[in-house]
Amino acid sequence: MNANDLITINKDILNGQPVFKGTRVAVESLFDHLEAGISLDEFLDDFPTVSREQAVALLDIANKFLTSKNMAELYEAVA
């Protein structure tokens, strides 16, 4: 699964904030929950329109992105 399969960005849905495809759940909410110490299971209970497969795949993509050998170049591009 790639990011295009997981995420929708539409100005008419949450003002263009990235959401899990097929939902109105902001991707950011997953990271906010995890940062607050809330388990993935609890996140999925709170947002039943997001599947476990979607959440795990998104975390996998974030992991690959953040551990990329090209991360220094990516940081420079957004700095």
Protein backbone atom coordinates (compact mmCIF):
# COMPACT_ATOMS: atom_id res chain seq x y z
CA MET A 1 0.00 0.00 0.00
CA ASN A 2 1.36 3.43 -0.85
CA ALA A 3 0.50 6.88 0.46
CA ASN A 4 -1.96 7.53 -2.38
CA ASP A 5 -3.89 4.41 -1.31
CA LEU A 6 -4.02 5.63 2.29
CA ILE A 7 -4.39 9.39 2.28
CA THR A 8 -6.79 11.87 0.70
CA ILE A 9 -6.18 15.60 0.55
CA ASN A 10 -9.26 17.55 -0.48
CA LYS A 11 -9.89 21.20 0.35
CA ASP A 12 -13.54 20.31 1.04
CA ILE A 13 -12.62 17.75 3.72
CA LEU A 14 -11.17 19.22 6.93
CA ASN A 15 -9.90 22.22 4.95
CA GLY A 16 -7.43 20.11 2.98
CA GLN A 17 -5.87 18.39 5.95
CA PRO A 18 -4.60 14.89 5.01
CA VAL A 19 -7.17 12.28 6.05
CA PHE A 20 -7.34 8.52 5.89
CA LYS A 21 -8.85 7.68 2.50
CA GLY A 22 -12.58 7.06 2.69
CA THR A 23 -12.88 8.79 6.07
CA ARG A 24 -12.95 12.23 7.63
CA VAL A 25 -10.25 11.23 10.12
CA ALA A 26 -7.13 13.39 10.02
CA VAL A 27 -3.87 11.46 9.68
CA GLU A 28 -2.49 13.76 12.36
CA SER A 29 -4.96 12.29 14.86
CA LEU A 30 -3.16 8.93 14.73
CA PHE A 31 0.16 10.55 15.62
CA ASP A 32 -1.50 12.72 18.30
CA HIS A 33 -3.00 9.62 19.92
CA LEU A 34 0.28 7.73 19.87
CA GLU A 35 2.18 10.74 21.20
CA ALA A 36 -0.29 10.95 24.08
CA GLY A 37 0.40 7.30 24.96
CA ILE A 38 -2.89 6.04 23.56
CA SER A 39 -2.57 2.60 22.00
CA LEU A 40 -3.30 1.81 18.38
CA ASP A 41 -6.24 -0.32 19.51
CA GLU A 42 -7.73 2.62 21.39
CA PHE A 43 -7.22 4.88 18.36
CA LEU A 44 -9.05 2.35 16.20
CA ASP A 45 -11.86 2.19 18.78
CA ASP A 46 -12.09 5.99 18.72
CA PHE A 47 -12.12 6.08 14.90
CA PRO A 48 -13.86 2.95 13.64
CA THR A 49 -13.83 4.17 10.02
CA VAL A 50 -10.04 3.71 9.97
CA SER A 51 -8.96 0.11 9.49
CA ARG A 52 -6.03 -1.49 11.29
CA GLU A 53 -4.49 -2.13 7.86
CA GLN A 54 -4.64 1.59 7.02
CA ALA A 55 -3.12 2.68 10.33
CA VAL A 56 -0.32 0.12 10.26
CA ALA A 57 0.48 0.87 6.62
CA LEU A 58 0.66 4.59 7.38
CA LEU A 59 3.01 3.98 10.29
CA ASP A 60 5.15 1.79 8.04
CA ILE A 61 5.36 4.56 5.42
CA ALA A 62 6.27 7.11 8.11
CA ASN A 63 8.97 4.77 9.43
CA LYS A 64 10.45 4.28 5.96
CA PHE A 65 10.38 8.01 5.31
CA LEU A 66 12.00 8.95 8.61
CA THR A 67 14.70 6.28 8.42
CA SER A 68 15.58 6.89 4.78
CA LYS A 69 19.27 7.21 3.92
CA ASN A 70 18.27 10.39 2.10
CA MET A 71 16.72 11.92 5.22
CA ALA A 72 19.31 14.72 5.41
CA GLU A 73 18.34 15.83 1.91
CA LEU A 74 14.65 15.68 2.82
CA TYR A 75 15.23 17.77 5.97
CA GLU A 76 17.07 20.37 3.91
CA ALA A 77 14.22 20.50 1.41
CA VAL A 78 11.64 21.34 4.09
CA ALA A 79 13.83 23.49 6.32
